């Protein structure tokens, strides 16, 4: 009896051992629908378009005839993996680099470029400004559908510096990695940290630590540039130069109840009225008219706005009349606006008699609304006029010329993605936390630490998104000592936010930047 029980126990044990093996065999105990769902999930997983954790690069060769010489270059399209302080990969940032062949990497200047938004990829600077190819725009008109005008850029900056164009996380081909959400990068400080890490990663990977180094930011990219310049300085990477193209470094001026934004926009309104021939006794050049507007804005206009409802009727009427002479709107409209002409209202009102609106990024562009009697324009014609050309050309160029192949979608913007709610708070290197950012504070700190750092602000007269007079105001508040104050310079162009879309302005930009590099490439040494 004891032996029978022992035999039975052994049989049960054997069965218990073998059962899991049977249960784990492929397809065992699975219904046909379950097998289909699992196979489908595996197929989806295998074909998921994801940014790579391992860095990628594709190198092609090109040449461009520019500035009286043939420039032969290597174009590298690829990704930079950035990591947190623990070493975990957090994001893959797409970049395109153009490096001049036959030059020692450690001595050749390198410039990092990016656009703004926040939320934009760096397609505008890449396809329109300083690279070896560009979309061949000129006059402020709507670009025709395909075939687009695209070709070599004989005004490329490649004769002065290598160029590295970087997309922000969530835009273009740049993506967060693993469990890191995109929202971890969508804020003033978070975004600046990501770009700092990407720039340092490229510098290390491609042996550029001893190269003269620059950053060029456009639009929100100028606000980013202030924070990145300080971050790099703090990480042991002093810059030779910072270029601010169409600047906005201080968002505080846009808060309700303050008059700074009206004052900052006023000379841009004046330049635009001059361009569209809407001012009496029109001067021969825009600079003369702009200077009159500057003086009025800082003097009588600023004083009148500061008085608010305490202003007298006589002064109010006088200010409205003077404004009308400078910006081309009627004194009645200006009075009804309480001397505070909003941007949308100006864009709708200036050419209402022609049933046309004007652009925001570039106020030379004309638009047409369904309702000519409305209070604000339906859209920005200066944006819609060129967007299709830029994104169409880039998608073809990156795949068929740069040979960068990926299933990841090239996103036109990170805006609208789940979790995209930009964190506007900022912690500057000096002073308390900011609820609305002003990274001119960061840039000023970097300049005090590195008194050889030069800053060049490039401005379009017809840019109402980032008005040139507001840039002048922001820079004047940096509280630099006299010996450092001279390191900040300004240039102006007959163009808008992306003034390089104008051929004439692009030629002037190259000449100005050539001088800037010559002045700074040796660390300020003469």
Protein backbone atom coordinates (compact mmCIF):
# COMPACT_ATOMS: atom_id res chain seq x y z
CA UNK A 1 0.00 0.00 0.00
CA UNK A 2 2.82 2.37 0.87
CA UNK A 3 4.50 1.60 -2.47
CA UNK A 4 1.26 2.30 -4.39
CA UNK A 5 0.89 5.68 -2.67
CA UNK A 6 4.50 6.55 -3.42
CA UNK A 7 4.02 5.62 -7.07
CA UNK A 8 0.87 7.76 -7.29
CA UNK A 9 2.63 10.78 -5.74
CA UNK A 10 5.51 10.44 -8.19
CA UNK A 11 3.08 10.34 -11.13
CA UNK A 12 1.32 13.48 -9.92
CA UNK A 13 4.65 15.27 -9.51
CA UNK A 14 5.67 14.31 -13.02
CA UNK A 15 2.36 15.62 -14.37
CA UNK A 16 2.79 18.90 -12.48
CA UNK A 17 6.25 19.37 -13.97
CA UNK A 18 5.10 18.63 -17.50
CA UNK A 19 1.94 20.77 -17.49
CA UNK A 20 3.66 24.19 -17.67
CA UNK A 21 5.72 22.94 -20.58
CA UNK A 22 2.56 22.00 -22.44
CA UNK A 23 0.92 25.33 -21.55
CA UNK A 24 3.91 27.29 -22.89
CA UNK A 25 4.03 25.56 -26.25
CA UNK A 26 3.19 27.87 -29.21
CA UNK A 27 -0.51 28.24 -29.77
CA UNK A 28 -1.42 25.98 -26.89
CA UNK A 29 -4.72 26.86 -25.20
CA UNK A 30 -5.09 29.96 -27.51
CA UNK A 31 -8.15 30.52 -29.58
CA UNK A 32 -7.86 31.53 -33.22
CA UNK A 33 -8.90 35.17 -32.47
CA UNK A 34 -6.23 35.37 -29.72
CA UNK A 35 -3.55 34.09 -32.08
CA UNK A 36 -4.61 36.65 -34.70
CA UNK A 37 -4.54 39.54 -32.21
CA UNK A 38 -1.09 38.54 -30.93
CA UNK A 39 0.31 38.21 -34.43
CA UNK A 40 -1.16 41.57 -35.38
CA UNK A 41 0.31 43.23 -32.27
CA UNK A 42 3.74 41.80 -33.12
CA UNK A 43 3.48 43.12 -36.68
CA UNK A 44 2.51 46.59 -35.43
CA UNK A 45 5.37 46.53 -32.93
CA UNK A 46 7.85 45.56 -35.64
CA UNK A 47 6.65 48.35 -37.97
CA UNK A 48 6.32 51.12 -35.36
CA UNK A 49 7.95 54.34 -36.62
CA UNK A 50 10.20 55.37 -33.76
CA UNK A 51 13.21 57.59 -33.41
CA UNK A 52 16.36 55.52 -32.91
CA UNK A 53 18.05 55.24 -29.52
CA UNK A 54 21.36 54.50 -31.21
CA UNK A 55 22.66 57.56 -33.03
CA UNK A 56 22.40 57.48 -36.82
CA UNK A 57 24.17 59.40 -39.54
CA UNK A 58 24.26 59.46 -43.33
CA UNK A 59 27.05 61.41 -45.04
CA UNK A 60 26.81 62.73 -48.59
CA UNK A 61 29.11 65.01 -50.57
CA UNK A 62 28.19 68.27 -52.24
CA UNK A 63 29.61 71.48 -53.64
CA UNK A 64 28.40 75.02 -54.18
CA UNK A 65 29.88 77.99 -56.00
CA UNK A 66 29.72 80.94 -53.63
CA UNK A 67 31.65 84.13 -52.99
CA UNK A 68 33.97 83.52 -55.94
CA UNK A 69 35.01 80.01 -54.96
CA UNK A 70 33.86 76.41 -55.09
CA UNK A 71 33.03 75.11 -51.62
CA UNK A 72 33.16 71.32 -51.34
CA UNK A 73 31.42 70.00 -48.27
CA UNK A 74 30.15 66.96 -46.41
CA UNK A 75 26.48 66.91 -45.44
CA UNK A 76 25.65 64.77 -42.41
CA UNK A 77 22.00 64.01 -41.65
CA UNK A 78 21.48 62.11 -38.44
CA UNK A 79 20.43 62.01 -34.82
CA UNK A 80 21.97 62.99 -31.50
CA UNK A 81 20.91 61.03 -28.44
CA UNK A 82 20.77 63.12 -25.29
CA UNK A 83 20.78 61.60 -21.82
CA UNK A 84 19.79 62.65 -18.34
CA UNK A 85 22.32 63.05 -15.53
CA UNK A 86 22.05 59.34 -14.75
CA UNK A 87 23.00 58.44 -18.33
CA UNK A 88 19.56 57.26 -19.46
CA UNK A 89 18.66 58.16 -23.08
CA UNK A 90 15.78 60.67 -23.03
CA UNK A 91 15.49 62.07 -26.55
CA UNK A 92 16.74 61.74 -30.12
CA UNK A 93 17.33 65.09 -31.85
CA UNK A 94 17.58 65.25 -35.64
CA UNK A 95 20.32 67.42 -37.13
CA UNK A 96 21.84 68.28 -40.47
CA UNK A 97 25.47 69.43 -40.49
CA UNK A 98 27.45 70.96 -43.36
CA UNK A 99 31.22 70.85 -42.90
CA UNK A 100 33.77 72.24 -45.35
CA UNK A 101 36.05 69.52 -46.70
CA UNK A 102 39.79 69.67 -46.14
CA UNK A 103 39.60 71.81 -42.99
CA UNK A 104 40.95 70.83 -39.55
CA UNK A 105 37.86 70.28 -37.40
CA UNK A 106 39.50 71.62 -34.25
CA UNK A 107 40.18 75.07 -35.72
CA UNK A 108 37.28 75.57 -38.09
CA UNK A 109 34.38 77.66 -36.66
CA UNK A 110 31.13 75.77 -36.04
CA UNK A 111 27.70 77.36 -35.71
CA UNK A 112 24.59 75.74 -34.21
CA UNK A 113 21.30 77.02 -35.65
CA UNK A 114 17.67 76.58 -34.64
CA UNK A 115 14.24 78.10 -35.20
CA UNK A 116 11.65 78.94 -32.56
CA UNK A 117 7.90 78.75 -32.14
CA UNK A 118 8.16 77.31 -29.58
CA UNK A 119 7.31 74.10 -31.39
CA UNK A 120 8.95 74.66 -34.76
CA UNK A 121 11.54 72.48 -36.47
CA UNK A 122 14.58 74.24 -37.94
CA UNK A 123 13.35 74.03 -41.50
CA UNK A 124 13.17 77.79 -42.13
CA UNK A 125 16.80 78.57 -41.36
CA UNK A 126 17.90 75.33 -43.02
CA UNK A 127 16.03 75.76 -46.29
CA UNK A 128 16.01 79.56 -46.54
CA UNK A 129 19.06 81.20 -45.06
CA UNK A 130 22.68 80.15 -44.70
CA UNK A 131 23.01 76.53 -45.83
CA UNK A 132 24.51 75.53 -49.21
CA UNK A 133 21.02 75.15 -50.73
CA UNK A 134 17.93 77.31 -50.39
CA UNK A 135 14.43 77.89 -51.66
CA UNK A 136 14.86 80.72 -54.14
CA UNK A 137 12.40 83.30 -52.86
CA UNK A 138 12.74 87.05 -53.31
CA UNK A 139 9.70 89.31 -53.58
CA UNK A 140 6.96 89.21 -50.89
CA UNK A 141 4.47 87.19 -52.93
CA UNK A 142 2.78 83.79 -52.64
CA UNK A 143 5.04 80.97 -53.87
CA UNK A 144 3.58 78.93 -56.70
CA UNK A 145 2.86 75.20 -56.23
CA UNK A 146 5.37 72.60 -57.48
CA UNK A 147 7.77 72.62 -59.18
CA UNK A 148 9.37 74.90 -56.61
CA UNK A 149 12.37 77.14 -57.19
CA UNK A 150 15.16 75.45 -55.25
CA UNK A 151 18.89 75.30 -55.81
CA UNK A 152 22.40 76.26 -54.72
CA UNK A 153 22.76 79.13 -52.26
CA UNK A 154 25.57 81.39 -53.41
CA UNK A 155 25.12 83.41 -50.19
CA UNK A 156 25.82 80.44 -47.91
CA UNK A 157 27.76 81.02 -44.69
CA UNK A 158 29.76 77.88 -45.33
CA UNK A 159 32.68 80.05 -46.43
CA UNK A 160 32.88 81.33 -42.83
CA UNK A 161 31.74 78.45 -40.62
CA UNK A 162 30.49 74.89 -40.50
CA UNK A 163 26.73 74.77 -39.93
CA UNK A 164 24.66 72.46 -37.71
CA UNK A 165 20.85 72.74 -37.91
CA UNK A 166 18.99 71.09 -34.99
CA UNK A 167 15.26 70.31 -34.55
CA UNK A 168 13.60 70.60 -31.13
CA UNK A 169 12.08 67.55 -29.42
CA UNK A 170 8.64 66.79 -30.86
CA UNK A 171 9.22 68.67 -34.14
CA UNK A 172 10.80 67.53 -37.38
CA UNK A 173 12.29 64.08 -36.79
CA UNK A 174 13.22 64.76 -33.14
CA UNK A 175 11.41 62.61 -30.57
CA UNK A 176 11.48 61.68 -26.88
CA UNK A 177 12.75 58.18 -26.15
CA UNK A 178 11.39 55.34 -24.03
CA UNK A 179 9.04 56.34 -21.25
CA UNK A 180 10.17 60.00 -21.28
CA UNK A 181 7.14 62.12 -22.31
CA UNK A 182 7.45 65.00 -24.74
CA UNK A 183 6.22 67.33 -22.03
CA UNK A 184 9.54 66.78 -20.24
CA UNK A 185 11.10 69.03 -22.90
CA UNK A 186 8.31 71.53 -23.50
CA UNK A 187 9.18 74.50 -21.36
CA UNK A 188 11.66 77.37 -21.32
CA UNK A 189 14.24 75.71 -19.08
CA UNK A 190 13.56 72.13 -20.21
CA UNK A 191 13.96 73.07 -23.88
CA UNK A 192 17.15 75.07 -23.24
CA UNK A 193 18.59 72.12 -21.34
CA UNK A 194 17.84 69.75 -24.25
CA UNK A 195 19.56 72.02 -26.77
CA UNK A 196 22.52 72.49 -24.43
CA UNK A 197 22.95 68.72 -24.18
CA UNK A 198 22.56 68.28 -27.96
CA UNK A 199 25.16 70.95 -28.73
CA UNK A 200 27.59 69.46 -26.24
CA UNK A 201 26.97 65.98 -27.64
CA UNK A 202 27.72 67.09 -31.22
CA UNK A 203 30.79 68.98 -30.02
CA UNK A 204 32.12 65.86 -28.31
CA UNK A 205 31.17 63.34 -31.00
CA UNK A 206 32.71 65.35 -33.85
CA UNK A 207 35.75 66.71 -31.95
CA UNK A 208 34.79 70.40 -32.03
CA UNK A 209 35.77 71.43 -28.50
CA UNK A 210 38.67 73.57 -29.73
CA UNK A 211 36.68 75.13 -32.59
CA UNK A 212 35.39 78.72 -32.34
CA UNK A 213 31.71 78.21 -31.49
CA UNK A 214 28.55 80.20 -32.27
CA UNK A 215 24.80 79.88 -31.98
CA UNK A 216 22.19 81.45 -34.26
CA UNK A 217 18.62 81.49 -33.00
CA UNK A 218 15.56 82.81 -34.79
CA UNK A 219 12.37 84.13 -33.14
CA UNK A 220 11.68 82.09 -29.97
CA UNK A 221 15.07 80.62 -30.75
CA UNK A 222 16.55 83.94 -29.59
CA UNK A 223 14.93 83.49 -26.18
CA UNK A 224 16.34 79.96 -26.18
CA UNK A 225 19.74 81.37 -27.20
CA UNK A 226 20.00 83.52 -24.10
CA UNK A 227 19.46 80.53 -21.81
CA UNK A 228 21.63 78.18 -23.91
CA UNK A 229 24.51 80.69 -24.01
CA UNK A 230 24.49 80.82 -20.22
CA UNK A 231 24.09 77.04 -19.88
CA UNK A 232 27.05 76.41 -22.18
CA UNK A 233 29.16 78.96 -20.34
CA UNK A 234 28.23 77.25 -17.09
CA UNK A 235 29.21 73.86 -18.57
CA UNK A 236 32.66 75.02 -19.63
CA UNK A 237 31.86 75.88 -23.25
CA UNK A 238 32.33 79.64 -23.74
CA UNK A 239 30.98 80.93 -27.04
CA UNK A 240 32.65 83.30 -29.47
CA UNK A 241 29.38 84.77 -30.67
CA UNK A 242 25.59 84.73 -30.39
CA UNK A 243 23.44 85.83 -33.34
CA UNK A 244 19.85 86.81 -32.60
CA UNK A 245 17.72 86.78 -35.73
CA UNK A 246 14.31 88.45 -35.22
CA UNK A 247 14.52 88.63 -31.45
CA UNK A 248 12.12 88.23 -28.57
CA UNK A 249 13.95 87.64 -25.31
CA UNK A 250 11.44 89.17 -22.91
CA UNK A 251 7.83 87.97 -22.95
CA UNK A 252 6.94 90.10 -19.94
CA UNK A 253 6.31 93.15 -22.11
CA UNK A 254 3.24 91.46 -23.58
CA UNK A 255 1.31 91.27 -20.34
CA UNK A 256 -1.98 93.20 -20.22
CA UNK A 257 -1.86 96.56 -18.50
CA UNK A 258 1.64 97.44 -19.68
CA UNK A 259 2.39 99.86 -22.51
CA UNK A 260 5.74 98.40 -23.60
CA UNK A 261 4.30 96.32 -26.43
CA UNK A 262 2.50 99.31 -28.00
CA UNK A 263 5.71 101.30 -27.84
CA UNK A 264 7.77 98.43 -29.22
CA UNK A 265 5.43 97.90 -32.19
CA UNK A 266 5.09 101.56 -33.10
CA UNK A 267 8.23 102.00 -35.26
CA UNK A 268 7.34 98.76 -37.11
CA UNK A 269 3.88 100.19 -37.82
CA UNK A 270 5.59 103.33 -39.11
CA UNK A 271 7.94 101.38 -41.38
CA UNK A 272 4.98 99.41 -42.75
CA UNK A 273 2.93 102.54 -43.43
CA UNK A 274 5.97 103.96 -45.26
CA UNK A 275 6.30 100.76 -47.34
CA UNK A 276 2.63 100.78 -48.38
CA UNK A 277 2.75 104.52 -49.13
CA UNK A 278 0.22 105.44 -46.44
CA UNK A 279 2.04 108.37 -44.80
CA UNK A 280 1.95 112.05 -45.82
CA UNK A 281 5.20 113.73 -46.85
CA UNK A 282 6.82 110.34 -47.25
CA UNK A 283 10.61 110.44 -46.79
CA UNK A 284 12.82 108.94 -49.47
CA UNK A 285 14.08 106.15 -47.20
CA UNK A 286 12.51 104.04 -44.49
CA UNK A 287 15.31 104.70 -41.98
CA UNK A 288 14.43 108.39 -41.77
CA UNK A 289 10.78 107.63 -41.09
CA UNK A 290 11.65 104.92 -38.56
CA UNK A 291 13.90 107.27 -36.62
CA UNK A 292 11.09 109.81 -36.33
CA UNK A 293 8.86 107.03 -35.02
CA UNK A 294 11.50 105.93 -32.49
CA UNK A 295 11.82 109.42 -31.06
CA UNK A 296 8.06 109.87 -30.85
CA UNK A 297 7.55 106.44 -29.29
CA UNK A 298 10.09 106.96 -26.52
CA UNK A 299 9.01 110.53 -25.85
CA UNK A 300 5.47 111.90 -26.32
CA UNK A 301 3.84 108.50 -26.96
CA UNK A 302 5.35 106.73 -23.94
CA UNK A 303 4.41 109.69 -21.74
CA UNK A 304 0.83 109.71 -23.02
CA UNK A 305 0.36 105.98 -22.47
CA UNK A 306 1.77 106.21 -18.95
CA UNK A 307 -0.92 108.75 -18.05
CA UNK A 308 -3.73 106.37 -18.93
CA UNK A 309 -7.12 107.97 -18.29
CA UNK A 310 -5.37 110.96 -16.66
CA UNK A 311 -4.40 112.32 -20.08
CA UNK A 312 -6.08 115.59 -21.08
CA UNK A 313 -8.40 115.76 -24.09
CA UNK A 314 -6.07 118.20 -25.82
CA UNK A 315 -2.99 115.98 -25.39
CA UNK A 316 -4.94 112.90 -26.44
CA UNK A 317 -6.05 114.62 -29.68
CA UNK A 318 -2.50 115.83 -30.36
CA UNK A 319 -1.02 112.36 -29.83
CA UNK A 320 -3.65 110.76 -32.09
CA UNK A 321 -2.85 113.27 -34.84
CA UNK A 322 0.90 112.66 -34.60
CA UNK A 323 0.39 108.91 -34.58
CA UNK A 324 -1.76 109.17 -37.69
CA UNK A 325 1.00 111.02 -39.54
CA UNK A 326 3.49 108.29 -38.65
CA UNK A 327 1.52 105.03 -38.98
CA UNK A 328 -1.09 105.87 -41.58
CA UNK A 329 -4.31 105.23 -39.63
CA UNK A 330 -6.95 107.89 -39.14
CA UNK A 331 -6.92 109.96 -35.93
CA UNK A 332 -10.51 108.79 -35.31
CA UNK A 333 -9.51 105.10 -35.39
CA UNK A 334 -6.54 105.77 -33.12
CA UNK A 335 -8.70 107.71 -30.66
CA UNK A 336 -11.30 104.94 -30.60
CA UNK A 337 -8.48 102.50 -29.80
CA UNK A 338 -7.50 104.68 -26.82
CA UNK A 339 -4.14 105.37 -28.50
CA UNK A 340 -3.36 101.64 -28.13
CA UNK A 341 -3.46 100.15 -31.62
CA UNK A 342 -3.47 96.37 -31.46
CA UNK A 343 -1.46 94.41 -33.99
CA UNK A 344 -4.47 92.63 -35.46
CA UNK A 345 -6.36 95.88 -35.81
CA UNK A 346 -3.46 97.57 -37.61
CA UNK A 347 -3.09 94.66 -40.02
CA UNK A 348 -6.77 94.88 -40.91
CA UNK A 349 -7.16 98.65 -40.95
CA UNK A 350 -4.12 99.97 -42.85
CA UNK A 351 -5.26 98.79 -46.30
CA UNK A 352 -8.97 98.40 -45.63
CA UNK A 353 -9.69 100.86 -48.42
CA UNK A 354 -8.05 98.38 -50.80
CA UNK A 355 -9.85 95.38 -49.25
CA UNK A 356 -6.50 93.91 -48.28
CA UNK A 357 -4.89 92.76 -45.04
CA UNK A 358 -1.17 92.65 -44.30
CA UNK A 359 1.08 90.01 -42.80
CA UNK A 360 2.34 89.56 -39.26
CA UNK A 361 5.70 87.87 -39.83
CA UNK A 362 6.28 90.18 -42.78
CA UNK A 363 4.00 93.18 -43.14
CA UNK A 364 4.85 93.63 -46.82
CA UNK A 365 2.69 90.60 -47.73
CA UNK A 366 -0.93 91.18 -48.72
CA UNK A 367 -3.92 89.00 -47.84
CA UNK A 368 -7.62 88.81 -48.69
CA UNK A 369 -10.36 88.07 -46.17
CA UNK A 370 -13.90 86.92 -46.83
CA UNK A 371 -15.10 89.85 -44.72
CA UNK A 372 -13.41 93.18 -45.46
CA UNK A 373 -15.31 94.79 -42.58
CA UNK A 374 -13.99 92.54 -39.81
CA UNK A 375 -11.75 93.60 -36.94
CA UNK A 376 -8.85 91.14 -37.35
CA UNK A 377 -7.30 89.30 -40.32
CA UNK A 378 -8.29 85.69 -40.93
CA UNK A 379 -4.69 84.50 -41.26
CA UNK A 380 -1.09 85.59 -41.75
CA UNK A 381 -0.47 85.74 -45.52
CA UNK A 382 3.30 86.03 -44.98
CA UNK A 383 3.27 82.58 -43.36
CA UNK A 384 0.89 80.75 -45.71
CA UNK A 385 2.69 82.20 -48.75
CA UNK A 386 5.83 80.11 -48.27
CA UNK A 387 5.03 77.23 -45.88
CA UNK A 388 4.05 74.72 -48.57
CA UNK A 389 7.23 75.29 -50.55
CA UNK A 390 9.49 74.85 -47.52
CA UNK A 391 8.01 71.59 -46.27
CA UNK A 392 7.56 70.06 -49.72
CA UNK A 393 11.12 70.79 -50.77
CA UNK A 394 12.65 69.62 -47.50
CA UNK A 395 10.90 66.25 -47.52
CA UNK A 396 12.26 65.55 -50.98
CA UNK A 397 15.72 66.96 -50.24
CA UNK A 398 16.33 65.01 -47.02
CA UNK A 399 15.26 61.69 -48.56
CA UNK A 400 16.65 61.92 -52.09
CA UNK A 401 19.68 64.22 -51.77
CA UNK A 402 20.83 63.65 -48.19
CA UNK A 403 19.69 59.98 -48.42
CA UNK A 404 18.28 60.01 -44.88
CA UNK A 405 15.63 57.27 -44.80
CA UNK A 406 13.16 56.93 -41.94
CA UNK A 407 9.52 55.99 -41.34
CA UNK A 408 9.24 58.74 -38.73
CA UNK A 409 6.97 61.57 -39.86
CA UNK A 410 8.58 64.98 -40.30
CA UNK A 411 6.34 67.06 -38.05
CA UNK A 412 5.61 70.61 -39.08
CA UNK A 413 5.21 71.54 -35.41
CA UNK A 414 5.06 70.04 -31.94
CA UNK A 415 2.04 72.21 -31.18
CA UNK A 416 -1.17 70.23 -30.81
CA UNK A 417 0.57 67.07 -29.62
CA UNK A 418 -0.73 65.47 -26.40
CA UNK A 419 0.86 67.21 -23.43
CA UNK A 420 2.06 70.22 -25.41
CA UNK A 421 1.38 72.98 -22.92
CA UNK A 422 4.49 75.13 -22.85
CA UNK A 423 5.88 75.87 -19.39
CA UNK A 424 6.73 79.57 -19.53
CA UNK A 425 8.33 79.80 -16.09
CA UNK A 426 12.07 80.40 -16.01
CA UNK A 427 14.76 80.36 -13.37
CA UNK A 428 17.47 82.84 -14.42
CA UNK A 429 21.03 82.72 -13.08
CA UNK A 430 20.42 85.88 -11.02
CA UNK A 431 17.23 87.10 -9.37
CA UNK A 432 14.14 85.14 -8.44
CA UNK A 433 12.04 82.81 -10.59
CA UNK A 434 10.21 84.38 -13.53
CA UNK A 435 6.60 83.56 -14.38
CA UNK A 436 7.16 85.01 -17.86
CA UNK A 437 10.66 84.57 -19.26
CA UNK A 438 13.32 87.17 -19.94
CA UNK A 439 16.52 85.41 -20.98
CA UNK A 440 18.29 88.67 -21.73
CA UNK A 441 19.18 88.27 -18.04
CA UNK A 442 20.89 84.95 -18.82
CA UNK A 443 22.72 86.37 -21.83
CA UNK A 444 23.92 89.36 -19.83
CA UNK A 445 25.29 87.03 -17.14
CA UNK A 446 27.14 85.00 -19.77
CA UNK A 447 28.61 88.22 -21.20
CA UNK A 448 29.81 89.39 -17.80
CA UNK A 449 31.52 86.03 -17.26
CA UNK A 450 32.92 86.01 -20.79
CA UNK A 451 33.62 89.64 -21.76
CA UNK A 452 34.83 88.49 -25.21
CA UNK A 453 31.39 87.18 -26.14
CA UNK A 454 29.88 89.27 -28.95
CA UNK A 455 26.17 89.48 -29.76
CA UNK A 456 24.69 90.53 -33.10
CA UNK A 457 20.96 91.25 -33.43
CA UNK A 458 19.57 90.98 -36.98
CA UNK A 459 16.27 92.82 -37.51
CA UNK A 460 13.70 93.16 -40.28
CA UNK A 461 11.91 96.50 -40.51
CA UNK A 462 8.59 94.83 -41.39
CA UNK A 463 8.60 92.11 -38.72
CA UNK A 464 5.61 92.55 -36.39
CA UNK A 465 6.08 89.19 -34.63
CA UNK A 466 9.35 90.31 -33.02
CA UNK A 467 9.58 94.10 -33.54
CA UNK A 468 13.06 95.56 -33.86
CA UNK A 469 12.35 98.38 -31.39
CA UNK A 470 11.41 95.84 -28.73
CA UNK A 471 14.77 94.15 -29.33
CA UNK A 472 16.53 97.47 -28.83
CA UNK A 473 14.56 97.96 -25.61
CA UNK A 474 15.39 94.46 -24.28
CA UNK A 475 19.10 94.91 -24.96
CA UNK A 476 19.12 98.30 -23.30
CA UNK A 477 17.87 96.67 -20.09
CA UNK A 478 20.73 94.15 -19.82
CA UNK A 479 22.65 96.51 -17.49
CA UNK A 480 26.03 95.78 -19.04
CA UNK A 481 29.05 97.78 -18.00
CA UNK A 482 30.36 100.21 -20.65
CA UNK A 483 33.33 98.00 -21.57
CA UNK A 484 30.96 95.09 -22.34
CA UNK A 485 28.06 97.12 -23.73
CA UNK A 486 29.93 97.60 -27.01
CA UNK A 487 29.81 93.83 -27.59
CA UNK A 488 26.16 94.16 -28.66
CA UNK A 489 25.47 95.31 -32.23
CA UNK A 490 22.34 95.73 -34.38
CA UNK A 491 21.72 95.47 -38.11
CA UNK A 492 18.52 96.19 -40.08
CA UNK A 493 17.09 94.90 -43.35
CA UNK A 494 14.28 95.57 -45.80
CA UNK A 495 12.45 92.41 -44.87
CA UNK A 496 10.32 90.77 -42.25
CA UNK A 497 10.72 88.04 -39.66
CA UNK A 498 12.59 85.82 -42.14
CA UNK A 499 14.38 88.62 -43.92
CA UNK A 500 16.59 86.10 -45.75
CA UNK A 501 13.67 85.32 -48.08
CA UNK A 502 14.68 88.57 -49.81
CA UNK A 503 17.70 88.20 -52.09
CA UNK A 504 18.96 91.70 -51.35
CA UNK A 505 18.62 91.21 -47.61
CA UNK A 506 20.40 87.84 -47.83
CA UNK A 507 23.37 89.49 -49.52
CA UNK A 508 23.51 92.10 -46.75
CA UNK A 509 23.17 89.40 -44.10
CA UNK A 510 26.17 87.54 -45.45
CA UNK A 511 28.28 90.70 -45.53
CA UNK A 512 27.33 91.59 -41.95
CA UNK A 513 27.91 88.07 -40.63
CA UNK A 514 31.23 87.79 -42.47
CA UNK A 515 32.37 90.85 -40.55
CA UNK A 516 31.01 89.40 -37.31
CA UNK A 517 32.95 86.15 -37.74
CA UNK A 518 36.12 88.00 -38.65
CA UNK A 519 35.83 90.05 -35.48
CA UNK A 520 35.15 87.11 -33.16
CA UNK A 521 36.78 84.01 -34.62
CA UNK A 522 40.03 84.55 -32.69
CA UNK A 523 38.29 85.01 -29.38
CA UNK A 524 38.33 88.78 -29.66
CA UNK A 525 42.10 88.99 -30.27
CA UNK A 526 43.08 91.66 -32.79
